[in-house]
């Protein structure tokens, strides 16, 4: 049985039903990820960081050893900088 139903607009937009938003823990500004699984499409809350974000922070032009804490701090700084204007 379906959790909820949505209707597609002429512009291709979909409203996410409140039951689904609550289940995913998403709200305004959240990013949803659409994935294919055979003949099904799966919608889920996108991860906080993309693999590109992590790669850019970890593999800068001057490679050097970093601690886990330094890597996490670098990722946070980079993501804050990228999303500062939003």
PDB file of N, CA and C in Angstrom:
ATOM      1  N   UNK A   1       0.843  -1.181   0.000  1.00  0.00           N
ATOM      2  CA  UNK A   1       0.000   0.000   0.000  1.00  0.00           C
ATOM      3  C   UNK A   1       0.888   1.244   0.000  1.00  0.00           C
ATOM      4  N   UNK A   2       0.504   2.237  -0.764  1.00  0.00           N
ATOM      5  CA  UNK A   2       1.272   3.470  -0.900  1.00  0.00           C
ATOM      6  C   UNK A   2       1.229   4.289   0.389  1.00  0.00           C
ATOM      7  N   UNK A   3       2.346   4.921   0.711  1.00  0.00           N
ATOM      8  CA  UNK A   3       2.432   5.805   1.872  1.00  0.00           C
ATOM      9  C   UNK A   3       1.617   7.073   1.629  1.00  0.00           C
ATOM     10  N   UNK A   4       1.704   7.607   0.395  1.00  0.00           N
ATOM     11  CA  UNK A   4       0.970   8.822   0.035  1.00  0.00           C
ATOM     12  C   UNK A   4       0.953   8.943  -1.484  1.00  0.00           C
ATOM     13  N   UNK A   5       0.174   9.902  -1.985  1.00  0.00           N
ATOM     14  CA  UNK A   5       0.093  10.153  -3.423  1.00  0.00           C
ATOM     15  C   UNK A   5       0.391  11.617  -3.694  1.00  0.00           C
ATOM     16  N   UNK A   6       0.952  11.906  -4.881  1.00  0.00           N
ATOM     17  CA  UNK A   6       1.213  13.268  -5.333  1.00  0.00           C
ATOM     18  C   UNK A   6       0.735  13.395  -6.765  1.00  0.00           C
ATOM     19  N   UNK A   7       0.488  14.624  -7.181  1.00  0.00           N
ATOM     20  CA  UNK A   7       0.092  14.884  -8.557  1.00  0.00           C
ATOM     21  C   UNK A   7       1.174  15.744  -9.205  1.00  0.00           C
ATOM     22  N   UNK A   8       1.532  15.408 -10.422  1.00  0.00           N
ATOM     23  CA  UNK A   8       2.543  16.131 -11.190  1.00  0.00           C
ATOM     24  C   UNK A   8       1.902  17.342 -11.852  1.00  0.00           C
ATOM     25  N   UNK A   9       2.561  18.521 -11.750  1.00  0.00           N
ATOM     26  CA  UNK A   9       2.038  19.728 -12.404  1.00  0.00           C
ATOM     27  C   UNK A   9       2.499  19.750 -13.861  1.00  0.00           C
ATOM     28  N   UNK A  10       1.965  20.698 -14.625  1.00  0.00           N
ATOM     29  CA  UNK A  10       2.367  20.819 -16.034  1.00  0.00           C
ATOM     30  C   UNK A  10       3.829  21.212 -16.174  1.00  0.00           C
ATOM     31  N   UNK A  11       4.409  21.825 -15.136  1.00  0.00           N
ATOM     32  CA  UNK A  11       5.830  22.187 -15.152  1.00  0.00           C
ATOM     33  C   UNK A  11       6.720  21.045 -14.654  1.00  0.00           C
ATOM     34  N   UNK A  12       6.126  19.899 -14.333  1.00  0.00           N
ATOM     35  CA  UNK A  12       6.907  18.755 -13.867  1.00  0.00           C
ATOM     36  C   UNK A  12       7.231  18.799 -12.388  1.00  0.00           C
ATOM     37  N   UNK A  13       6.525  19.612 -11.622  1.00  0.00           N
ATOM     38  CA  UNK A  13       6.779  19.728 -10.190  1.00  0.00           C
ATOM     39  C   UNK A  13       5.885  18.770  -9.405  1.00  0.00           C
ATOM     40  N   UNK A  14       6.411  18.348  -8.259  1.00  0.00           N
ATOM     41  CA  UNK A  14       5.682  17.433  -7.381  1.00  0.00           C
ATOM     42  C   UNK A  14       5.724  17.996  -5.964  1.00  0.00           C
ATOM     43  N   UNK A  15       4.597  17.993  -5.283  1.00  0.00           N
ATOM     44  CA  UNK A  15       4.573  18.345  -3.863  1.00  0.00           C
ATOM     45  C   UNK A  15       4.825  17.072  -3.068  1.00  0.00           C
ATOM     46  N   UNK A  16       5.701  17.170  -2.085  1.00  0.00           N
ATOM     47  CA  UNK A  16       6.001  16.003  -1.250  1.00  0.00           C
ATOM     48  C   UNK A  16       4.996  15.995  -0.101  1.00  0.00           C
ATOM     49  N   UNK A  17       4.199  14.940   0.009  1.00  0.00           N
ATOM     50  CA  UNK A  17       3.181  14.875   1.065  1.00  0.00           C
ATOM     51  C   UNK A  17       3.809  14.956   2.463  1.00  0.00           C
ATOM     52  N   UNK A  18       3.047  15.490   3.401  1.00  0.00           N
ATOM     53  CA  UNK A  18       3.566  15.700   4.754  1.00  0.00           C
ATOM     54  C   UNK A  18       4.020  14.397   5.405  1.00  0.00           C
ATOM     55  N   UNK A  19       3.317  13.298   5.167  1.00  0.00           N
ATOM     56  CA  UNK A  19       3.739  12.008   5.747  1.00  0.00           C
ATOM     57  C   UNK A  19       5.131  11.622   5.266  1.00  0.00           C
ATOM     58  N   UNK A  20       5.407  11.869   3.993  1.00  0.00           N
ATOM     59  CA  UNK A  20       6.715  11.541   3.420  1.00  0.00           C
ATOM     60  C   UNK A  20       7.774  12.489   3.969  1.00  0.00           C
ATOM     61  N   UNK A  21       7.454  13.791   4.054  1.00  0.00           N
ATOM     62  CA  UNK A  21       8.418  14.764   4.609  1.00  0.00           C
ATOM     63  C   UNK A  21       8.780  14.391   6.039  1.00  0.00           C
ATOM     64  N   UNK A  22       7.789  14.013   6.825  1.00  0.00           N
ATOM     65  CA  UNK A  22       8.047  13.630   8.217  1.00  0.00           C
ATOM     66  C   UNK A  22       8.900  12.370   8.281  1.00  0.00           C
ATOM     67  N   UNK A  23       8.584  11.386   7.465  1.00  0.00           N
ATOM     68  CA  UNK A  23       9.318  10.123   7.460  1.00  0.00           C
ATOM     69  C   UNK A  23      10.778  10.335   7.066  1.00  0.00           C
ATOM     70  N   UNK A  24      11.024  11.223   6.071  1.00  0.00           N
ATOM     71  CA  UNK A  24      12.388  11.500   5.620  1.00  0.00           C
ATOM     72  C   UNK A  24      13.103  12.528   6.495  1.00  0.00           C
ATOM     73  N   UNK A  25      12.335  13.271   7.287  1.00  0.00           N
ATOM     74  CA  UNK A  25      12.939  14.327   8.116  1.00  0.00           C
ATOM     75  C   UNK A  25      13.424  15.495   7.281  1.00  0.00           C
ATOM     76  N   UNK A  26      12.629  15.888   6.277  1.00  0.00           N
ATOM     77  CA  UNK A  26      13.020  16.986   5.397  1.00  0.00           C
ATOM     78  C   UNK A  26      12.059  18.157   5.533  1.00  0.00           C
ATOM     79  N   UNK A  27      12.527  19.317   5.113  1.00  0.00           N
ATOM     80  CA  UNK A  27      11.720  20.522   5.145  1.00  0.00           C
ATOM     81  C   UNK A  27      12.179  21.458   4.044  1.00  0.00           C
ATOM     82  N   UNK A  28      11.786  22.730   4.116  1.00  0.00           N
ATOM     83  CA  UNK A  28      12.179  23.691   3.090  1.00  0.00           C
ATOM     84  C   UNK A  28      13.703  23.747   2.930  1.00  0.00           C
ATOM     85  N   UNK A  29      14.152  23.698   1.697  1.00  0.00           N
ATOM     86  CA  UNK A  29      15.587  23.764   1.413  1.00  0.00           C
ATOM     87  C   UNK A  29      16.289  22.406   1.413  1.00  0.00           C
ATOM     88  N   UNK A  30      15.607  21.361   1.849  1.00  0.00           N
ATOM     89  CA  UNK A  30      16.212  20.029   1.852  1.00  0.00           C
ATOM     90  C   UNK A  30      16.389  19.543   0.416  1.00  0.00           C
ATOM     91  N   UNK A  31      17.389  18.711   0.220  1.00  0.00           N
ATOM     92  CA  UNK A  31      17.657  18.151  -1.103  1.00  0.00           C
ATOM     93  C   UNK A  31      17.240  16.684  -1.101  1.00  0.00           C
ATOM     94  N   UNK A  32      16.447  16.318  -2.101  1.00  0.00           N
ATOM     95  CA  UNK A  32      16.026  14.927  -2.249  1.00  0.00           C
ATOM     96  C   UNK A  32      16.802  14.301  -3.398  1.00  0.00           C
ATOM     97  N   UNK A  33      17.094  13.030  -3.254  1.00  0.00           N
ATOM     98  CA  UNK A  33      17.863  12.293  -4.251  1.00  0.00           C
ATOM     99  C   UNK A  33      16.946  11.254  -4.889  1.00  0.00           C
ATOM    100  N   UNK A  34      16.941  11.169  -6.199  1.00  0.00           N
ATOM    101  CA  UNK A  34      16.106  10.230  -6.947  1.00  0.00           C
ATOM    102  C   UNK A  34      17.027   9.177  -7.528  1.00  0.00           C
ATOM    103  N   UNK A  35      16.721   7.909  -7.306  1.00  0.00           N
ATOM    104  CA  UNK A  35      17.583   6.826  -7.761  1.00  0.00           C
ATOM    105  C   UNK A  35      16.745   5.758  -8.452  1.00  0.00           C
ATOM    106  N   UNK A  36      17.346   5.079  -9.408  1.00  0.00           N
ATOM    107  CA  UNK A  36      16.672   4.021 -10.157  1.00  0.00           C
ATOM    108  C   UNK A  36      16.980   2.670  -9.547  1.00  0.00           C
ATOM    109  N   UNK A  37      15.975   1.822  -9.459  1.00  0.00           N
ATOM    110  CA  UNK A  37      16.146   0.444  -8.996  1.00  0.00           C
ATOM    111  C   UNK A  37      15.265  -0.438  -9.872  1.00  0.00           C
ATOM    112  N   UNK A  38      15.812  -0.849 -11.015  1.00  0.00           N
ATOM    113  CA  UNK A  38      15.015  -1.626 -11.963  1.00  0.00           C
ATOM    114  C   UNK A  38      13.896  -0.776 -12.530  1.00  0.00           C
ATOM    115  N   UNK A  39      12.659  -1.203 -12.332  1.00  0.00           N
ATOM    116  CA  UNK A  39      11.517  -0.443 -12.844  1.00  0.00           C
ATOM    117  C   UNK A  39      10.927   0.490 -11.790  1.00  0.00           C
ATOM    118  N   UNK A  40      11.632   0.664 -10.672  1.00  0.00           N
ATOM    119  CA  UNK A  40      11.165   1.565  -9.604  1.00  0.00           C
ATOM    120  C   UNK A  40      12.093   2.776  -9.503  1.00  0.00           C
ATOM    121  N   UNK A  41      11.558   3.867  -8.965  1.00  0.00           N
ATOM    122  CA  UNK A  41      12.352   5.059  -8.662  1.00  0.00           C
ATOM    123  C   UNK A  41      12.258   5.274  -7.159  1.00  0.00           C
ATOM    124  N   UNK A  42      13.412   5.440  -6.526  1.00  0.00           N
ATOM    125  CA  UNK A  42      13.483   5.608  -5.076  1.00  0.00           C
ATOM    126  C   UNK A  42      13.836   7.053  -4.767  1.00  0.00           C
ATOM    127  N   UNK A  43      13.093   7.656  -3.840  1.00  0.00           N
ATOM    128  CA  UNK A  43      13.361   9.021  -3.396  1.00  0.00           C
ATOM    129  C   UNK A  43      13.855   8.954  -1.967  1.00  0.00           C
ATOM    130  N   UNK A  44      14.981   9.620  -1.696  1.00  0.00           N
ATOM    131  CA  UNK A  44      15.520   9.652  -0.340  1.00  0.00           C
ATOM    132  C   UNK A  44      16.178  11.004  -0.075  1.00  0.00           C
ATOM    133  N   UNK A  45      16.387  11.278   1.179  1.00  0.00           N
ATOM    134  CA  UNK A  45      17.071  12.503   1.569  1.00  0.00           C
ATOM    135  C   UNK A  45      18.521  12.376   1.132  1.00  0.00           C
ATOM    136  N   UNK A  46      19.037  13.395   0.455  1.00  0.00           N
ATOM    137  CA  UNK A  46      20.422  13.368  -0.024  1.00  0.00           C
ATOM    138  C   UNK A  46      21.377  13.479   1.158  1.00  0.00           C
ATOM    139  N   UNK A  47      22.551  12.883   1.015  1.00  0.00           N
ATOM    140  CA  UNK A  47      23.576  12.964   2.050  1.00  0.00           C
ATOM    141  C   UNK A  47      24.054  14.395   2.231  1.00  0.00           C
ATOM    142  N   UNK A  48      24.696  14.651   3.330  1.00  0.00           N
ATOM    143  CA  UNK A  48      25.164  16.002   3.620  1.00  0.00           C
ATOM    144  C   UNK A  48      26.274  16.435   2.667  1.00  0.00           C
ATOM    145  N   UNK A  49      27.162  15.510   2.308  1.00  0.00           N
ATOM    146  CA  UNK A  49      28.297  15.840   1.460  1.00  0.00           C
ATOM    147  C   UNK A  49      28.328  14.909   0.253  1.00  0.00           C
ATOM    148  N   UNK A  50      28.646  15.456  -0.903  1.00  0.00           N
ATOM    149  CA  UNK A  50      28.809  14.613  -2.078  1.00  0.00           C
ATOM    150  C   UNK A  50      30.237  14.083  -2.098  1.00  0.00           C
ATOM    151  N   UNK A  51      30.478  13.063  -2.886  1.00  0.00           N
ATOM    152  CA  UNK A  51      31.838  12.533  -2.997  1.00  0.00           C
ATOM    153  C   UNK A  51      32.762  13.588  -3.585  1.00  0.00           C
ATOM    154  N   UNK A  52      32.228  14.465  -4.426  1.00  0.00           N
ATOM    155  CA  UNK A  52      33.040  15.550  -4.992  1.00  0.00           C
ATOM    156  C   UNK A  52      33.482  16.520  -3.898  1.00  0.00           C
ATOM    157  N   UNK A  53      32.588  16.848  -2.956  1.00  0.00           N
ATOM    158  CA  UNK A  53      32.943  17.726  -1.837  1.00  0.00           C
ATOM    159  C   UNK A  53      34.104  17.128  -1.046  1.00  0.00           C
ATOM    160  N   UNK A  54      33.988  15.865  -0.713  1.00  0.00           N
ATOM    161  CA  UNK A  54      35.000  15.204   0.108  1.00  0.00           C
ATOM    162  C   UNK A  54      36.321  15.116  -0.646  1.00  0.00           C
ATOM    163  N   UNK A  55      36.267  14.754  -1.920  1.00  0.00           N
ATOM    164  CA  UNK A  55      37.485  14.639  -2.725  1.00  0.00           C
ATOM    165  C   UNK A  55      38.217  15.983  -2.797  1.00  0.00           C
ATOM    166  N   UNK A  56      37.474  17.062  -3.049  1.00  0.00           N
ATOM    167  CA  UNK A  56      38.076  18.389  -3.165  1.00  0.00           C
ATOM    168  C   UNK A  56      38.781  18.796  -1.878  1.00  0.00           C
ATOM    169  N   UNK A  57      38.182  18.504  -0.749  1.00  0.00           N
ATOM    170  CA  UNK A  57      38.775  18.886   0.531  1.00  0.00           C
ATOM    171  C   UNK A  57      39.988  18.008   0.860  1.00  0.00           C
ATOM    172  N   UNK A  58      39.876  16.722   0.602  1.00  0.00           N
ATOM    173  CA  UNK A  58      40.950  15.802   0.954  1.00  0.00           C
ATOM    174  C   UNK A  58      42.152  15.891   0.030  1.00  0.00           C
ATOM    175  N   UNK A  59      41.922  16.155  -1.234  1.00  0.00           N
ATOM    176  CA  UNK A  59      43.004  16.134  -2.208  1.00  0.00           C
ATOM    177  C   UNK A  59      43.236  17.523  -2.783  1.00  0.00           C
ATOM    178  N   UNK A  60      43.716  18.414  -1.932  1.00  0.00           N
ATOM    179  CA  UNK A  60      44.012  19.769  -2.375  1.00  0.00           C
ATOM    180  C   UNK A  60      45.286  19.745  -3.222  1.00  0.00           C
ATOM    181  N   UNK A  61      45.707  20.888  -3.673  1.00  0.00           N
ATOM    182  CA  UNK A  61      46.902  20.965  -4.532  1.00  0.00           C
ATOM    183  C   UNK A  61      48.180  20.575  -3.788  1.00  0.00           C
ATOM    184  N   UNK A  62      48.226  20.824  -2.497  1.00  0.00           N
ATOM    185  CA  UNK A  62      49.397  20.485  -1.693  1.00  0.00           C
ATOM    186  C   UNK A  62      49.023  19.361  -0.736  1.00  0.00           C
ATOM    187  N   UNK A  63      49.148  18.119  -1.188  1.00  0.00           N
ATOM    188  CA  UNK A  63      48.747  17.008  -0.311  1.00  0.00           C
ATOM    189  C   UNK A  63      49.614  16.918   0.942  1.00  0.00           C
ATOM    190  N   UNK A  64      48.998  16.612   2.054  1.00  0.00           N
ATOM    191  CA  UNK A  64      49.710  16.376   3.309  1.00  0.00           C
ATOM    192  C   UNK A  64      48.831  15.512   4.197  1.00  0.00           C
ATOM    193  N   UNK A  65      49.419  14.917   5.200  1.00  0.00           N
ATOM    194  CA  UNK A  65      48.650  14.079   6.123  1.00  0.00           C
ATOM    195  C   UNK A  65      47.739  14.950   6.973  1.00  0.00           C
ATOM    196  N   UNK A  66      46.520  14.472   7.171  1.00  0.00           N
ATOM    197  CA  UNK A  66      45.562  15.201   8.011  1.00  0.00           C
ATOM    198  C   UNK A  66      44.905  14.221   8.969  1.00  0.00           C
ATOM    199  N   UNK A  67      44.544  14.751  10.128  1.00  0.00           N
ATOM    200  CA  UNK A  67      43.818  13.933  11.089  1.00  0.00           C
ATOM    201  C   UNK A  67      42.346  13.893  10.680  1.00  0.00           C
ATOM    202  N   UNK A  68      41.593  12.987  11.265  1.00  0.00           N
ATOM    203  CA  UNK A  68      40.150  12.899  10.985  1.00  0.00           C
ATOM    204  C   UNK A  68      39.481  14.227  11.333  1.00  0.00           C
ATOM    205  N   UNK A  69      39.863  14.818  12.461  1.00  0.00           N
ATOM    206  CA  UNK A  69      39.257  16.088  12.877  1.00  0.00           C
ATOM    207  C   UNK A  69      39.545  17.192  11.861  1.00  0.00           C
ATOM    208  N   UNK A  70      40.775  17.236  11.325  1.00  0.00           N
ATOM    209  CA  UNK A  70      41.115  18.236  10.316  1.00  0.00           C
ATOM    210  C   UNK A  70      40.297  18.023   9.036  1.00  0.00           C
ATOM    211  N   UNK A  71      40.108  16.761   8.655  1.00  0.00           N
ATOM    212  CA  UNK A  71      39.325  16.470   7.451  1.00  0.00           C
ATOM    213  C   UNK A  71      37.875  16.906   7.631  1.00  0.00           C
ATOM    214  N   UNK A  72      37.283  16.586   8.785  1.00  0.00           N
ATOM    215  CA  UNK A  72      35.891  16.978   9.038  1.00  0.00           C
ATOM    216  C   UNK A  72      35.751  18.501   9.060  1.00  0.00           C
ATOM    217  N   UNK A  73      36.717  19.186   9.689  1.00  0.00           N
ATOM    218  CA  UNK A  73      36.670  20.649   9.748  1.00  0.00           C
ATOM    219  C   UNK A  73      36.800  21.236   8.343  1.00  0.00           C
ATOM    220  N   UNK A  74      37.657  20.673   7.513  1.00  0.00           N
ATOM    221  CA  UNK A  74      37.821  21.140   6.135  1.00  0.00           C
ATOM    222  C   UNK A  74      36.555  20.958   5.325  1.00  0.00           C
ATOM    223  N   UNK A  75      35.891  19.826   5.498  1.00  0.00           N
ATOM    224  CA  UNK A  75      34.637  19.575   4.783  1.00  0.00           C
ATOM    225  C   UNK A  75      33.586  20.586   5.224  1.00  0.00           C
ATOM    226  N   UNK A  76      33.482  20.817   6.545  1.00  0.00           N
ATOM    227  CA  UNK A  76      32.493  21.789   7.051  1.00  0.00           C
ATOM    228  C   UNK A  76      32.754  23.186   6.482  1.00  0.00           C
ATOM    229  N   UNK A  77      34.040  23.616   6.486  1.00  0.00           N
ATOM    230  CA  UNK A  77      34.381  24.945   5.959  1.00  0.00           C
ATOM    231  C   UNK A  77      33.999  25.070   4.487  1.00  0.00           C
ATOM    232  N   UNK A  78      34.321  24.038   3.710  1.00  0.00           N
ATOM    233  CA  UNK A  78      34.047  24.070   2.281  1.00  0.00           C
ATOM    234  C   UNK A  78      32.544  24.119   1.996  1.00  0.00           C
ATOM    235  N   UNK A  79      31.769  23.314   2.699  1.00  0.00           N
ATOM    236  CA  UNK A  79      30.326  23.284   2.475  1.00  0.00           C
ATOM    237  C   UNK A  79      29.702  24.602   2.905  1.00  0.00           C
ATOM    238  N   UNK A  80      30.143  25.175   4.037  1.00  0.00           N
ATOM    239  CA  UNK A  80      29.621  26.471   4.481  1.00  0.00           C
ATOM    240  C   UNK A  80      29.921  27.540   3.450  1.00  0.00           C
ATOM    241  N   UNK A  81      31.128  27.510   2.889  1.00  0.00           N
ATOM    242  CA  UNK A  81      31.517  28.503   1.888  1.00  0.00           C
ATOM    243  C   UNK A  81      30.656  28.370   0.630  1.00  0.00           C
ATOM    244  N   UNK A  82      30.404  27.129   0.203  1.00  0.00           N
ATOM    245  CA  UNK A  82      29.611  26.898  -1.008  1.00  0.00           C
ATOM    246  C   UNK A  82      28.154  27.305  -0.826  1.00  0.00           C
ATOM    247  N   UNK A  83      27.616  27.171   0.377  1.00  0.00           N
ATOM    248  CA  UNK A  83      26.192  27.428   0.617  1.00  0.00           C
ATOM    249  C   UNK A  83      25.944  28.727   1.379  1.00  0.00           C
ATOM    250  N   UNK A  84      26.944  29.580   1.484  1.00  0.00           N
ATOM    251  CA  UNK A  84      26.821  30.805   2.282  1.00  0.00           C
ATOM    252  C   UNK A  84      25.780  31.777   1.707  1.00  0.00           C
ATOM    253  N   UNK A  85      25.633  31.820   0.401  1.00  0.00           N
ATOM    254  CA  UNK A  85      24.721  32.782  -0.218  1.00  0.00           C
ATOM    255  C   UNK A  85      23.282  32.331  -0.281  1.00  0.00           C
ATOM    256  N   UNK A  86      22.992  31.140   0.205  1.00  0.00           N
ATOM    257  CA  UNK A  86      21.630  30.597   0.077  1.00  0.00           C
ATOM    258  C   UNK A  86      20.761  30.976   1.218  1.00  0.00           C
TER     259      UNK A  86
END
